[in-house]
Amino acid sequence: DGTQLKQPSCVSLEIGEIPATNKMVSALIVNPKNNQAIKRNTPFTVDTKVIGLSTGFFSDPAVDYYQIQQTLDGGGQIQGHSHITIQKIDGNNAPDPTVFAFFKGLNDAAKNGVLSVNVDTGLPQKGTYRICTMNSSNSHQPVVMPVAQRGAQDDCV
């Protein structure tokens, strides 16, 4: 029905258009650097470089969540957007996916292949954090690629 449901559900949407292997999505977080120390409550910027994703395509998640098939632009790239999520890490334990220190959709078109977001208040607690991209097609589903054996479409530092 286009809404984000917290209980199990079924979406019968067809996947849509799939890019060629030479148009697959790949991302790299270029700022902050891996293992870079950032003082708590200190603003910083996350910058990501992305290829294979025609950014700036973002449907309303309140009414169109998983309701639009994946589409390609005229150059064969997936039309979509990205997100940044930051989670506190506790040793070797996988973090709870429902708990995050920061989350932001990057809905605008990339500038020179770079997407940026300001973490205006910094991170509230001292500790180790994981910063990840989440690249999505227009309707928020993870990007669908043409082959399984490939590099990842997302990055974490």
Foldseek 3Di string as FASTA:
>chain_A
DLEDDPDDDDDPDDQADAFDPVLDKAKDWPPPDVPDDDDAQDKDKIKMFMTLEFAQQADDSHGQASPDHFDAPPVRGTYWWKKKWKAFDDPPDDDDPVDTQDIDTQNHGADVRMTMDMPNRGGHDDHDMKIKMQIAGNNRDGHDHDDDPDDDNMDID
